[in-house]
Amino acid sequence: MRYLINNKKEPRGAFKNGNFMKKMFGGISLFIKEVFFELKRVNWLSRKQLIQYTFVVIGLSAFMAAFLGVLDAGFVYGLTNYIVK
């Protein structure tokens, strides 16, 4: 986003003569403008795609939780019955 930024050289001590607040808030406003500019260029998902991908993520998370739970239970069972008797 360099094309939105003014590349003028500042004299030394620009922050000492009261321009600090002006530069700080100018930078914040520039950042917000650039964020909105980039958000306009984003290819957003359709509602149908968003719902499908949400269910895929929830399903895979549930599967991994169950898989790790079974592994954990197996290790606990193996350790308590065969190693720590």
C-alpha atoms as a PDB file:
ATOM      1  CA  MET A   1       0.000   0.000   0.000  1.00  0.00           C
ATOM      2  CA  ARG A   2       2.987   2.270  -0.466  1.00  0.00           C
ATOM      3  CA  TYR A   3       1.178   4.222  -3.178  1.00  0.00           C
ATOM      4  CA  LEU A   4      -1.146   5.694  -0.543  1.00  0.00           C
ATOM      5  CA  ILE A   5       1.673   6.882   1.669  1.00  0.00           C
ATOM      6  CA  ASN A   6       3.227  10.308   1.175  1.00  0.00           C
ATOM      7  CA  ASN A   7       7.000   9.740   0.922  1.00  0.00           C
ATOM      8  CA  LYS A   8       8.172  13.267   1.767  1.00  0.00           C
ATOM      9  CA  LYS A   9      11.358  13.628   3.757  1.00  0.00           C
ATOM     10  CA  GLU A  10      10.720  15.145   7.147  1.00  0.00           C
ATOM     11  CA  PRO A  11      13.161  17.608   8.668  1.00  0.00           C
ATOM     12  CA  ARG A  12      14.954  16.529  11.783  1.00  0.00           C
ATOM     13  CA  GLY A  13      13.049  17.326  14.912  1.00  0.00           C
ATOM     14  CA  ALA A  14       9.650  17.081  13.235  1.00  0.00           C
ATOM     15  CA  PHE A  15       8.346  15.417  16.375  1.00  0.00           C
ATOM     16  CA  LYS A  16       9.690  18.169  18.596  1.00  0.00           C
ATOM     17  CA  ASN A  17       7.721  21.094  17.180  1.00  0.00           C
ATOM     18  CA  GLY A  18       4.199  19.766  17.828  1.00  0.00           C
ATOM     19  CA  ASN A  19       3.767  17.587  14.743  1.00  0.00           C
ATOM     20  CA  PHE A  20       3.874  14.389  16.777  1.00  0.00           C
ATOM     21  CA  MET A  21       0.113  14.198  17.389  1.00  0.00           C
ATOM     22  CA  LYS A  22      -0.607  15.199  13.808  1.00  0.00           C
ATOM     23  CA  LYS A  23       1.704  12.476  12.477  1.00  0.00           C
ATOM     24  CA  MET A  24       0.430   9.874  14.909  1.00  0.00           C
ATOM     25  CA  PHE A  25      -3.255  10.381  14.113  1.00  0.00           C
ATOM     26  CA  GLY A  26      -2.450  10.809  10.430  1.00  0.00           C
ATOM     27  CA  GLY A  27      -0.773   7.411  10.494  1.00  0.00           C
ATOM     28  CA  ILE A  28      -3.727   5.831  12.255  1.00  0.00           C
ATOM     29  CA  SER A  29      -6.204   7.308   9.791  1.00  0.00           C
ATOM     30  CA  LEU A  30      -4.025   6.172   6.877  1.00  0.00           C
ATOM     31  CA  PHE A  31      -3.943   2.654   8.320  1.00  0.00           C
ATOM     32  CA  ILE A  32      -7.744   2.578   8.644  1.00  0.00           C
ATOM     33  CA  LYS A  33      -8.172   3.850   5.069  1.00  0.00           C
ATOM     34  CA  GLU A  34      -5.827   1.135   3.795  1.00  0.00           C
ATOM     35  CA  VAL A  35      -7.698  -1.542   5.758  1.00  0.00           C
ATOM     36  CA  PHE A  36     -11.024  -0.536   4.200  1.00  0.00           C
ATOM     37  CA  PHE A  37      -9.390  -0.393   0.764  1.00  0.00           C
ATOM     38  CA  GLU A  38      -8.064  -3.942   1.159  1.00  0.00           C
ATOM     39  CA  LEU A  39     -11.377  -5.238   2.534  1.00  0.00           C
ATOM     40  CA  LYS A  40     -13.096  -4.067  -0.655  1.00  0.00           C
ATOM     41  CA  ARG A  41     -10.752  -6.283  -2.676  1.00  0.00           C
ATOM     42  CA  VAL A  42     -11.359  -9.467  -0.651  1.00  0.00           C
ATOM     43  CA  ASN A  43     -13.226 -12.314  -2.360  1.00  0.00           C
ATOM     44  CA  TRP A  44     -15.776 -13.152   0.313  1.00  0.00           C
ATOM     45  CA  LEU A  45     -17.389 -16.586   0.574  1.00  0.00           C
ATOM     46  CA  SER A  46     -21.040 -17.067  -0.231  1.00  0.00           C
ATOM     47  CA  ARG A  47     -23.378 -17.953   2.613  1.00  0.00           C
ATOM     48  CA  LYS A  48     -23.652 -21.551   1.366  1.00  0.00           C
ATOM     49  CA  GLN A  49     -19.853 -21.972   1.214  1.00  0.00           C
ATOM     50  CA  LEU A  50     -19.440 -20.433   4.654  1.00  0.00           C
ATOM     51  CA  ILE A  51     -21.941 -22.869   6.196  1.00  0.00           C
ATOM     52  CA  GLN A  52     -20.354 -25.856   4.416  1.00  0.00           C
ATOM     53  CA  TYR A  53     -16.828 -24.973   5.501  1.00  0.00           C
ATOM     54  CA  THR A  54     -18.000 -24.300   9.050  1.00  0.00           C
ATOM     55  CA  PHE A  55     -19.494 -27.791   9.260  1.00  0.00           C
ATOM     56  CA  VAL A  56     -16.318 -29.285   7.787  1.00  0.00           C
ATOM     57  CA  VAL A  57     -14.196 -27.584  10.454  1.00  0.00           C
ATOM     58  CA  ILE A  58     -16.564 -28.600  13.266  1.00  0.00           C
ATOM     59  CA  GLY A  59     -16.719 -32.188  11.965  1.00  0.00           C
ATOM     60  CA  LEU A  60     -12.949 -32.533  11.649  1.00  0.00           C
ATOM     61  CA  SER A  61     -12.467 -31.006  15.100  1.00  0.00           C
ATOM     62  CA  ALA A  62     -14.957 -33.467  16.617  1.00  0.00           C
ATOM     63  CA  PHE A  63     -13.279 -36.383  14.827  1.00  0.00           C
ATOM     64  CA  MET A  64      -9.814 -35.374  16.045  1.00  0.00           C
ATOM     65  CA  ALA A  65     -11.104 -34.868  19.596  1.00  0.00           C
ATOM     66  CA  ALA A  66     -12.664 -38.350  19.577  1.00  0.00           C
ATOM     67  CA  PHE A  67      -9.536 -39.897  18.046  1.00  0.00           C
ATOM     68  CA  LEU A  68      -7.244 -38.300  20.606  1.00  0.00           C
ATOM     69  CA  GLY A  69      -9.655 -39.242  23.398  1.00  0.00           C
ATOM     70  CA  VAL A  70      -9.529 -42.907  22.330  1.00  0.00           C
ATOM     71  CA  LEU A  71      -5.725 -42.775  22.135  1.00  0.00           C
ATOM     72  CA  ASP A  72      -5.547 -41.191  25.589  1.00  0.00           C
ATOM     73  CA  ALA A  73      -7.903 -43.771  27.075  1.00  0.00           C
ATOM     74  CA  GLY A  74      -5.835 -46.545  25.460  1.00  0.00           C
ATOM     75  CA  PHE A  75      -2.595 -45.207  26.896  1.00  0.00           C
ATOM     76  CA  VAL A  76      -4.138 -44.791  30.344  1.00  0.00           C
ATOM     77  CA  TYR A  77      -5.504 -48.328  30.238  1.00  0.00           C
ATOM     78  CA  GLY A  78      -2.175 -49.725  29.054  1.00  0.00           C
ATOM     79  CA  LEU A  79      -0.152 -47.834  31.638  1.00  0.00           C
ATOM     80  CA  THR A  80      -2.407 -48.662  34.590  1.00  0.00           C
ATOM     81  CA  ASN A  81      -2.905 -52.336  33.792  1.00  0.00           C
ATOM     82  CA  TYR A  82       0.443 -53.416  32.388  1.00  0.00           C
ATOM     83  CA  ILE A  83       3.175 -51.032  33.502  1.00  0.00           C
ATOM     84  CA  VAL A  84       2.163 -49.551  36.855  1.00  0.00           C
ATOM     85  CA  LYS A  85       0.840 -52.665  38.571  1.00  0.00           C
END
